[in-house]
All heavy atoms as atom14 arrays in JSON, in Angstrom:
{
  "sequence": "PWCTSLAQRMNRVTGRDMSAHVYDVLGYDHHERKVRIGALAE",
  "atom14_mask": [
    [1, 1, 1, 1, 1, 1, 1, 0, 0, 0, 0, 0, 0, 0],
    [1, 1, 1, 1, 1, 1, 1, 1, 1, 1, 1, 1, 1, 1],
    [1, 1, 1, 1, 1, 1, 0, 0, 0, 0, 0, 0, 0, 0],
    [1, 1, 1, 1, 1, 1, 1, 0, 0, 0, 0, 0, 0, 0],
    [1, 1, 1, 1, 1, 1, 0, 0, 0, 0, 0, 0, 0, 0],
    [1, 1, 1, 1, 1, 1, 1, 1, 0, 0, 0, 0, 0, 0],
    [1, 1, 1, 1, 1, 0, 0, 0, 0, 0, 0, 0, 0, 0],
    [1, 1, 1, 1, 1, 1, 1, 1, 1, 0, 0, 0, 0, 0],
    [1, 1, 1, 1, 1, 1, 1, 1, 1, 1, 1, 0, 0, 0],
    [1, 1, 1, 1, 1, 1, 1, 1, 0, 0, 0, 0, 0, 0],
    [1, 1, 1, 1, 1, 1, 1, 1, 0, 0, 0, 0, 0, 0],
    [1, 1, 1, 1, 1, 1, 1, 1, 1, 1, 1, 0, 0, 0],
    [1, 1, 1, 1, 1, 1, 1, 0, 0, 0, 0, 0, 0, 0],
    [1, 1, 1, 1, 1, 1, 1, 0, 0, 0, 0, 0, 0, 0],
    [1, 1, 1, 1, 0, 0, 0, 0, 0, 0, 0, 0, 0, 0],
    [1, 1, 1, 1, 1, 1, 1, 1, 1, 1, 1, 0, 0, 0],
    [1, 1, 1, 1, 1, 1, 1, 1, 0, 0, 0, 0, 0, 0],
    [1, 1, 1, 1, 1, 1, 1, 1, 0, 0, 0, 0, 0, 0],
    [1, 1, 1, 1, 1, 1, 0, 0, 0, 0, 0, 0, 0, 0],
    [1, 1, 1, 1, 1, 0, 0, 0, 0, 0, 0, 0, 0, 0],
    [1, 1, 1, 1, 1, 1, 1, 1, 1, 1, 0, 0, 0, 0],
    [1, 1, 1, 1, 1, 1, 1, 0, 0, 0, 0, 0, 0, 0],
    [1, 1, 1, 1, 1, 1, 1, 1, 1, 1, 1, 1, 0, 0],
    [1, 1, 1, 1, 1, 1, 1, 1, 0, 0, 0, 0, 0, 0],
    [1, 1, 1, 1, 1, 1, 1, 0, 0, 0, 0, 0, 0, 0],
    [1, 1, 1, 1, 1, 1, 1, 1, 0, 0, 0, 0, 0, 0],
    [1, 1, 1, 1, 0, 0, 0, 0, 0, 0, 0, 0, 0, 0],
    [1, 1, 1, 1, 1, 1, 1, 1, 1, 1, 1, 1, 0, 0],
    [1, 1, 1, 1, 1, 1, 1, 1, 0, 0, 0, 0, 0, 0],
    [1, 1, 1, 1, 1, 1, 1, 1, 1, 1, 0, 0, 0, 0],
    [1, 1, 1, 1, 1, 1, 1, 1, 1, 1, 0, 0, 0, 0],
    [1, 1, 1, 1, 1, 1, 1, 1, 1, 0, 0, 0, 0, 0],
    [1, 1, 1, 1, 1, 1, 1, 1, 1, 1, 1, 0, 0, 0],
    [1, 1, 1, 1, 1, 1, 1, 1, 1, 0, 0, 0, 0, 0],
    [1, 1, 1, 1, 1, 1, 1, 0, 0, 0, 0, 0, 0, 0],
    [1, 1, 1, 1, 1, 1, 1, 1, 1, 1, 1, 0, 0, 0],
    [1, 1, 1, 1, 1, 1, 1, 1, 0, 0, 0, 0, 0, 0],
    [1, 1, 1, 1, 0, 0, 0, 0, 0, 0, 0, 0, 0, 0],
    [1, 1, 1, 1, 1, 0, 0, 0, 0, 0, 0, 0, 0, 0],
    [1, 1, 1, 1, 1, 1, 1, 1, 0, 0, 0, 0, 0, 0],
    [1, 1, 1, 1, 1, 0, 0, 0, 0, 0, 0, 0, 0, 0],
    [1, 1, 1, 1, 1, 1, 1, 1, 1, 0, 0, 0, 0, 0]
  ],
  "atom14_positions": [
    [[-1.55, -11.23, 2.91], [-0.95, -9.89, 2.84], [-1.57, -8.92, 3.85], [-0.87, -8.04, 4.38], [-1.24, -9.45, 1.4], [-1.48, -10.71, 0.64], [-2.15, -11.64, 1.61], [0.0, 0.0, 0.0], [0.0, 0.0, 0.0], [0.0, 0.0, 0.0], [0.0, 0.0, 0.0], [0.0, 0.0, 0.0], [0.0, 0.0, 0.0], [0.0, 0.0, 0.0]],
    [[-2.85, -9.08, 4.12], [-3.52, -8.21, 5.08], [-2.95, -8.41, 6.48], [-2.72, -7.44, 7.21], [-5.02, -8.5, 5.06], [-5.84, -7.64, 5.96], [-6.39, -6.43, 5.67], [-6.21, -7.94, 7.32], [-7.08, -5.94, 6.76], [-6.99, -6.85, 7.78], [-5.97, -9.0, 8.18], [-7.52, -6.8, 9.07], [-6.49, -8.96, 9.46], [-7.26, -7.88, 9.9]],
    [[-2.74, -9.65, 6.87], [-2.19, -9.96, 8.2], [-0.8, -9.35, 8.38], [-0.52, -8.71, 9.4], [-2.11, -11.47, 8.42], [-3.7, -12.31, 8.58], [0.0, 0.0, 0.0], [0.0, 0.0, 0.0], [0.0, 0.0, 0.0], [0.0, 0.0, 0.0], [0.0, 0.0, 0.0], [0.0, 0.0, 0.0], [0.0, 0.0, 0.0], [0.0, 0.0, 0.0]],
    [[0.07, -9.56, 7.41], [1.44, -9.06, 7.52], [1.48, -7.53, 7.48], [2.26, -6.91, 8.19], [2.32, -9.65, 6.41], [1.74, -9.37, 5.13], [2.44, -11.16, 6.56], [0.0, 0.0, 0.0], [0.0, 0.0, 0.0], [0.0, 0.0, 0.0], [0.0, 0.0, 0.0], [0.0, 0.0, 0.0], [0.0, 0.0, 0.0], [0.0, 0.0, 0.0]],
    [[0.62, -6.92, 6.67], [0.59, -5.46, 6.59], [0.1, -4.84, 7.89], [0.63, -3.82, 8.34], [-0.3, -5.01, 5.42], [0.23, -5.42, 4.18], [0.0, 0.0, 0.0], [0.0, 0.0, 0.0], [0.0, 0.0, 0.0], [0.0, 0.0, 0.0], [0.0, 0.0, 0.0], [0.0, 0.0, 0.0], [0.0, 0.0, 0.0], [0.0, 0.0, 0.0]],
    [[-0.92, -5.45, 8.5], [-1.43, -4.95, 9.78], [-0.34, -5.01, 10.84], [-0.14, -4.05, 11.6], [-2.64, -5.76, 10.22], [-3.21, -5.43, 11.6], [-3.7, -3.98, 11.64], [-4.35, -6.38, 11.97], [0.0, 0.0, 0.0], [0.0, 0.0, 0.0], [0.0, 0.0, 0.0], [0.0, 0.0, 0.0], [0.0, 0.0, 0.0], [0.0, 0.0, 0.0]],
    [[0.39, -6.13, 10.89], [1.47, -6.26, 11.88], [2.55, -5.21, 11.65], [3.06, -4.61, 12.6], [2.06, -7.67, 11.8], [0.0, 0.0, 0.0], [0.0, 0.0, 0.0], [0.0, 0.0, 0.0], [0.0, 0.0, 0.0], [0.0, 0.0, 0.0], [0.0, 0.0, 0.0], [0.0, 0.0, 0.0], [0.0, 0.0, 0.0], [0.0, 0.0, 0.0]],
    [[2.9, -4.97, 10.39], [3.93, -3.98, 10.08], [3.5, -2.58, 10.49], [4.3, -1.8, 11.03], [4.24, -4.03, 8.58], [4.97, -5.29, 8.16], [5.0, -5.46, 6.64], [4.53, -4.61, 5.89], [5.56, -6.58, 6.19], [0.0, 0.0, 0.0], [0.0, 0.0, 0.0], [0.0, 0.0, 0.0], [0.0, 0.0, 0.0], [0.0, 0.0, 0.0]],
    [[2.24, -2.25, 10.25], [1.75, -0.92, 10.64], [1.78, -0.76, 12.16], [2.14, 0.3, 12.69], [0.34, -0.69, 10.11], [0.27, -0.52, 8.6], [-1.09, 0.02, 8.16], [-2.18, -0.91, 8.45], [-2.58, -1.88, 7.62], [-1.95, -2.07, 6.46], [-3.59, -2.66, 7.94], [0.0, 0.0, 0.0], [0.0, 0.0, 0.0], [0.0, 0.0, 0.0]],
    [[1.41, -1.81, 12.88], [1.44, -1.75, 14.34], [2.86, -1.63, 14.87], [3.1, -0.93, 15.86], [0.75, -2.98, 14.93], [-0.76, -2.95, 14.79], [-1.58, -4.02, 15.97], [-3.25, -3.36, 15.87], [0.0, 0.0, 0.0], [0.0, 0.0, 0.0], [0.0, 0.0, 0.0], [0.0, 0.0, 0.0], [0.0, 0.0, 0.0], [0.0, 0.0, 0.0]],
    [[3.77, -2.3, 14.21], [5.18, -2.18, 14.62], [5.67, -0.74, 14.47], [6.36, -0.22, 15.35], [6.06, -3.11, 13.77], [5.79, -4.58, 14.04], [5.16, -4.94, 15.04], [6.25, -5.44, 13.15], [0.0, 0.0, 0.0], [0.0, 0.0, 0.0], [0.0, 0.0, 0.0], [0.0, 0.0, 0.0], [0.0, 0.0, 0.0], [0.0, 0.0, 0.0]],
    [[5.3, -0.1, 13.37], [5.74, 1.28, 13.13], [5.1, 2.25, 14.14], [5.78, 3.12, 14.69], [5.38, 1.71, 11.7], [6.23, 1.07, 10.62], [6.08, 1.82, 9.3], [4.69, 1.83, 8.83], [4.18, 0.92, 8.01], [4.93, -0.09, 7.59], [2.92, 1.02, 7.61], [0.0, 0.0, 0.0], [0.0, 0.0, 0.0], [0.0, 0.0, 0.0]],
    [[3.81, 2.09, 14.37], [3.1, 3.02, 15.25], [3.55, 2.88, 16.71], [3.73, 3.88, 17.41], [1.57, 2.8, 15.14], [0.83, 3.56, 16.23], [1.08, 3.25, 13.77], [0.0, 0.0, 0.0], [0.0, 0.0, 0.0], [0.0, 0.0, 0.0], [0.0, 0.0, 0.0], [0.0, 0.0, 0.0], [0.0, 0.0, 0.0], [0.0, 0.0, 0.0]],
    [[3.77, 1.64, 17.16], [4.12, 1.42, 18.57], [5.61, 1.48, 18.83], [6.04, 1.65, 19.98], [3.61, 0.04, 19.04], [4.25, -1.0, 18.28], [2.1, -0.07, 18.86], [0.0, 0.0, 0.0], [0.0, 0.0, 0.0], [0.0, 0.0, 0.0], [0.0, 0.0, 0.0], [0.0, 0.0, 0.0], [0.0, 0.0, 0.0], [0.0, 0.0, 0.0]],
    [[6.41, 1.32, 17.76], [7.86, 1.27, 17.95], [8.3, -0.04, 18.58], [9.43, -0.15, 19.08], [0.0, 0.0, 0.0], [0.0, 0.0, 0.0], [0.0, 0.0, 0.0], [0.0, 0.0, 0.0], [0.0, 0.0, 0.0], [0.0, 0.0, 0.0], [0.0, 0.0, 0.0], [0.0, 0.0, 0.0], [0.0, 0.0, 0.0], [0.0, 0.0, 0.0]],
    [[7.44, -1.03, 18.56], [7.74, -2.35, 19.14], [7.39, -3.43, 18.12], [6.55, -3.22, 17.24], [6.92, -2.57, 20.42], [7.23, -1.59, 21.52], [6.15, -1.59, 22.6], [5.89, -2.91, 23.15], [4.96, -3.17, 24.07], [4.21, -2.18, 24.55], [4.78, -4.39, 24.52], [0.0, 0.0, 0.0], [0.0, 0.0, 0.0], [0.0, 0.0, 0.0]],
    [[8.03, -4.58, 18.25], [7.72, -5.7, 17.36], [6.5, -6.44, 17.93], [6.62, -7.25, 18.84], [8.91, -6.65, 17.25], [8.67, -7.75, 16.21], [7.56, -7.78, 15.63], [9.58, -8.55, 15.97], [0.0, 0.0, 0.0], [0.0, 0.0, 0.0], [0.0, 0.0, 0.0], [0.0, 0.0, 0.0], [0.0, 0.0, 0.0], [0.0, 0.0, 0.0]],
    [[5.35, -6.15, 17.35], [4.09, -6.74, 17.81], [3.63, -7.88, 16.92], [2.55, -8.45, 17.12], [2.99, -5.66, 17.84], [3.32, -4.44, 18.68], [3.59, -4.87, 20.42], [1.99, -5.55, 20.85], [0.0, 0.0, 0.0], [0.0, 0.0, 0.0], [0.0, 0.0, 0.0], [0.0, 0.0, 0.0], [0.0, 0.0, 0.0], [0.0, 0.0, 0.0]],
    [[4.44, -8.24, 15.94], [4.01, -9.2, 14.92], [3.5, -10.51, 15.49], [2.4, -10.99, 15.16], [5.14, -9.48, 13.93], [5.53, -8.3, 13.25], [0.0, 0.0, 0.0], [0.0, 0.0, 0.0], [0.0, 0.0, 0.0], [0.0, 0.0, 0.0], [0.0, 0.0, 0.0], [0.0, 0.0, 0.0], [0.0, 0.0, 0.0], [0.0, 0.0, 0.0]],
    [[4.28, -11.13, 16.37], [3.9, -12.43, 16.91], [2.59, -12.35, 17.67], [1.74, -13.26, 17.58], [5.01, -12.97, 17.81], [0.0, 0.0, 0.0], [0.0, 0.0, 0.0], [0.0, 0.0, 0.0], [0.0, 0.0, 0.0], [0.0, 0.0, 0.0], [0.0, 0.0, 0.0], [0.0, 0.0, 0.0], [0.0, 0.0, 0.0], [0.0, 0.0, 0.0]],
    [[2.4, -11.27, 18.42], [1.17, -11.12, 19.2], [-0.04, -10.9, 18.28], [-1.12, -11.46, 18.51], [1.3, -9.92, 20.15], [2.43, -10.06, 21.13], [2.44, -11.04, 22.11], [3.58, -9.34, 21.27], [3.54, -10.92, 22.82], [4.25, -9.91, 22.34], [0.0, 0.0, 0.0], [0.0, 0.0, 0.0], [0.0, 0.0, 0.0], [0.0, 0.0, 0.0]],
    [[0.16, -10.11, 17.23], [-0.93, -9.86, 16.28], [-1.3, -11.16, 15.56], [-2.48, -11.49, 15.42], [-0.52, -8.78, 15.25], [-1.58, -8.64, 14.16], [-0.31, -7.45, 15.95], [0.0, 0.0, 0.0], [0.0, 0.0, 0.0], [0.0, 0.0, 0.0], [0.0, 0.0, 0.0], [0.0, 0.0, 0.0], [0.0, 0.0, 0.0], [0.0, 0.0, 0.0]],
    [[-0.29, -11.89, 15.11], [-0.56, -13.14, 14.4], [-1.27, -14.15, 15.31], [-2.13, -14.92, 14.86], [0.75, -13.76, 13.89], [1.47, -12.93, 12.85], [2.85, -13.04, 12.66], [0.77, -12.01, 12.05], [3.5, -12.28, 11.7], [1.42, -11.25, 11.1], [2.8, -11.39, 10.93], [3.45, -10.64, 9.98], [0.0, 0.0, 0.0], [0.0, 0.0, 0.0]],
    [[-0.91, -14.15, 16.57], [-1.53, -15.08, 17.52], [-3.02, -14.79, 17.66], [-3.84, -15.71, 17.7], [-0.84, -14.97, 18.88], [-1.35, -16.01, 19.86], [-1.3, -17.22, 19.54], [-1.8, -15.62, 20.96], [0.0, 0.0, 0.0], [0.0, 0.0, 0.0], [0.0, 0.0, 0.0], [0.0, 0.0, 0.0], [0.0, 0.0, 0.0], [0.0, 0.0, 0.0]],
    [[-3.37, -13.5, 17.74], [-4.79, -13.13, 17.84], [-5.53, -13.51, 16.56], [-6.63, -14.08, 16.61], [-4.94, -11.62, 18.1], [-6.42, -11.22, 18.0], [-4.38, -11.26, 19.46], [0.0, 0.0, 0.0], [0.0, 0.0, 0.0], [0.0, 0.0, 0.0], [0.0, 0.0, 0.0], [0.0, 0.0, 0.0], [0.0, 0.0, 0.0], [0.0, 0.0, 0.0]],
    [[-4.94, -13.22, 15.43], [-5.61, -13.46, 14.15], [-5.69, -14.93, 13.8], [-6.58, -15.34, 13.04], [-4.85, -12.73, 13.02], [-4.79, -11.2, 13.12], [-3.95, -10.64, 11.98], [-6.19, -10.61, 13.08], [0.0, 0.0, 0.0], [0.0, 0.0, 0.0], [0.0, 0.0, 0.0], [0.0, 0.0, 0.0], [0.0, 0.0, 0.0], [0.0, 0.0, 0.0]],
    [[-4.76, -15.74, 14.33], [-4.7, -17.14, 13.95], [-3.91, -17.32, 12.66], [-4.13, -18.27, 11.91], [0.0, 0.0, 0.0], [0.0, 0.0, 0.0], [0.0, 0.0, 0.0], [0.0, 0.0, 0.0], [0.0, 0.0, 0.0], [0.0, 0.0, 0.0], [0.0, 0.0, 0.0], [0.0, 0.0, 0.0], [0.0, 0.0, 0.0], [0.0, 0.0, 0.0]],
    [[-2.95, -16.42, 12.42], [-2.16, -16.47, 11.19], [-0.82, -17.15, 11.45], [-0.09, -16.79, 12.36], [-1.92, -15.05, 10.67], [-1.0, -14.99, 9.48], [-1.34, -15.6, 8.28], [0.24, -14.34, 9.56], [-0.49, -15.56, 7.19], [1.09, -14.29, 8.47], [0.72, -14.9, 7.29], [1.57, -14.86, 6.21], [0.0, 0.0, 0.0], [0.0, 0.0, 0.0]],
    [[-0.51, -18.15, 10.63], [0.76, -18.88, 10.71], [1.74, -18.22, 9.74], [1.66, -18.42, 8.52], [0.55, -20.35, 10.33], [1.8, -21.2, 10.56], [2.92, -20.66, 10.43], [1.66, -22.39, 10.85], [0.0, 0.0, 0.0], [0.0, 0.0, 0.0], [0.0, 0.0, 0.0], [0.0, 0.0, 0.0], [0.0, 0.0, 0.0], [0.0, 0.0, 0.0]],
    [[2.64, -17.4, 10.28], [3.56, -16.63, 9.45], [4.52, -17.53, 8.67], [4.91, -17.2, 7.54], [4.35, -15.65, 10.33], [5.29, -14.78, 9.57], [4.87, -13.94, 8.55], [6.64, -14.62, 9.65], [5.91, -13.3, 8.05], [7.0, -13.69, 8.7], [0.0, 0.0, 0.0], [0.0, 0.0, 0.0], [0.0, 0.0, 0.0], [0.0, 0.0, 0.0]],
    [[4.89, -18.65, 9.25], [5.85, -19.55, 8.59], [5.19, -20.3, 7.42], [5.77, -20.44, 6.35], [6.43, -20.54, 9.59], [7.17, -19.89, 10.72], [8.38, -19.25, 10.54], [6.85, -19.74, 12.04], [8.79, -18.75, 11.7], [7.88, -19.03, 12.62], [0.0, 0.0, 0.0], [0.0, 0.0, 0.0], [0.0, 0.0, 0.0], [0.0, 0.0, 0.0]],
    [[3.97, -20.76, 7.63], [3.26, -21.48, 6.58], [2.51, -20.53, 5.64], [2.03, -20.94, 4.59], [2.24, -22.45, 7.2], [2.87, -23.58, 8.0], [3.6, -24.57, 7.12], [3.22, -24.71, 5.94], [4.54, -25.21, 7.62], [0.0, 0.0, 0.0], [0.0, 0.0, 0.0], [0.0, 0.0, 0.0], [0.0, 0.0, 0.0], [0.0, 0.0, 0.0]],
    [[2.4, -19.25, 6.05], [1.66, -18.25, 5.29], [0.21, -18.7, 5.06], [-0.32, -18.61, 3.96], [2.36, -17.94, 3.97], [3.73, -17.31, 4.13], [4.38, -17.0, 2.79], [3.61, -16.06, 2.0], [3.65, -14.74, 2.18], [4.42, -14.2, 3.12], [2.92, -13.94, 1.41], [0.0, 0.0, 0.0], [0.0, 0.0, 0.0], [0.0, 0.0, 0.0]],
    [[-0.4, -19.17, 6.15], [-1.79, -19.62, 6.09], [-2.54, -19.15, 7.33], [-1.96, -18.99, 8.4], [-1.86, -21.15, 6.01], [-1.38, -21.73, 4.68], [-1.57, -23.23, 4.63], [-1.17, -23.79, 3.28], [-1.38, -25.26, 3.22], [0.0, 0.0, 0.0], [0.0, 0.0, 0.0], [0.0, 0.0, 0.0], [0.0, 0.0, 0.0], [0.0, 0.0, 0.0]],
    [[-3.84, -18.95, 7.15], [-4.7, -18.54, 8.26], [-5.3, -19.79, 8.89], [-5.95, -20.59, 8.22], [-5.82, -17.6, 7.78], [-6.69, -17.18, 8.95], [-5.23, -16.39, 7.09], [0.0, 0.0, 0.0], [0.0, 0.0, 0.0], [0.0, 0.0, 0.0], [0.0, 0.0, 0.0], [0.0, 0.0, 0.0], [0.0, 0.0, 0.0], [0.0, 0.0, 0.0]],
    [[-5.05, -19.95, 10.19], [-5.58, -21.1, 10.92], [-6.82, -20.66, 11.71], [-7.36, -19.58, 11.5], [-4.5, -21.64, 11.87], [-3.17, -21.94, 11.21], [-3.27, -23.04, 10.18], [-1.95, -23.41, 9.67], [-1.75, -24.3, 8.69], [-2.79, -24.89, 8.13], [-0.52, -24.58, 8.29], [0.0, 0.0, 0.0], [0.0, 0.0, 0.0], [0.0, 0.0, 0.0]],
    [[-7.24, -21.51, 12.64], [-8.35, -21.18, 13.52], [-7.98, -19.96, 14.37], [-6.91, -19.93, 14.98], [-8.71, -22.36, 14.43], [-9.2, -23.55, 13.58], [-9.8, -21.95, 15.42], [-10.49, -23.29, 12.84], [0.0, 0.0, 0.0], [0.0, 0.0, 0.0], [0.0, 0.0, 0.0], [0.0, 0.0, 0.0], [0.0, 0.0, 0.0], [0.0, 0.0, 0.0]],
    [[-8.82, -18.98, 14.39], [-8.53, -17.78, 15.16], [-9.55, -16.7, 14.86], [-10.56, -16.94, 14.19], [0.0, 0.0, 0.0], [0.0, 0.0, 0.0], [0.0, 0.0, 0.0], [0.0, 0.0, 0.0], [0.0, 0.0, 0.0], [0.0, 0.0, 0.0], [0.0, 0.0, 0.0], [0.0, 0.0, 0.0], [0.0, 0.0, 0.0], [0.0, 0.0, 0.0]],
    [[-9.27, -15.51, 15.33], [-10.24, -14.42, 15.21], [-10.55, -14.09, 13.76], [-11.7, -13.82, 13.41], [-9.7, -13.18, 15.93], [0.0, 0.0, 0.0], [0.0, 0.0, 0.0], [0.0, 0.0, 0.0], [0.0, 0.0, 0.0], [0.0, 0.0, 0.0], [0.0, 0.0, 0.0], [0.0, 0.0, 0.0], [0.0, 0.0, 0.0], [0.0, 0.0, 0.0]],
    [[-9.55, -14.09, 12.88], [-9.78, -13.7, 11.5], [-10.72, -14.68, 10.79], [-11.54, -14.27, 9.96], [-8.46, -13.62, 10.74], [-8.54, -13.16, 9.28], [-9.23, -11.8, 9.18], [-7.15, -13.1, 8.66], [0.0, 0.0, 0.0], [0.0, 0.0, 0.0], [0.0, 0.0, 0.0], [0.0, 0.0, 0.0], [0.0, 0.0, 0.0], [0.0, 0.0, 0.0]],
    [[-10.62, -15.94, 11.13], [-11.45, -16.95, 10.49], [-12.84, -17.06, 11.09], [-13.76, -17.52, 10.42], [-10.76, -18.32, 10.57], [0.0, 0.0, 0.0], [0.0, 0.0, 0.0], [0.0, 0.0, 0.0], [0.0, 0.0, 0.0], [0.0, 0.0, 0.0], [0.0, 0.0, 0.0], [0.0, 0.0, 0.0], [0.0, 0.0, 0.0], [0.0, 0.0, 0.0]],
    [[-13.02, -16.61, 12.33], [-14.27, -16.9, 13.01], [-15.04, -15.67, 13.51], [-16.19, -15.81, 13.92], [-14.0, -17.82, 14.21], [-13.42, -19.16, 13.8], [-13.4, -20.15, 14.95], [-13.11, -19.73, 16.08], [-13.7, -21.32, 14.71], [0.0, 0.0, 0.0], [0.0, 0.0, 0.0], [0.0, 0.0, 0.0], [0.0, 0.0, 0.0], [0.0, 0.0, 0.0]]
  ]
}
């Protein structure tokens, strides 16, 4: 929930869809709803 909420807030503030880029940095798999290797885990 934290990953998806952060992406949504960034989308609202920037007026752009930043979700994929945010998830890529965090290492979050939106389709599987799981955190993989990435910044959030390490």
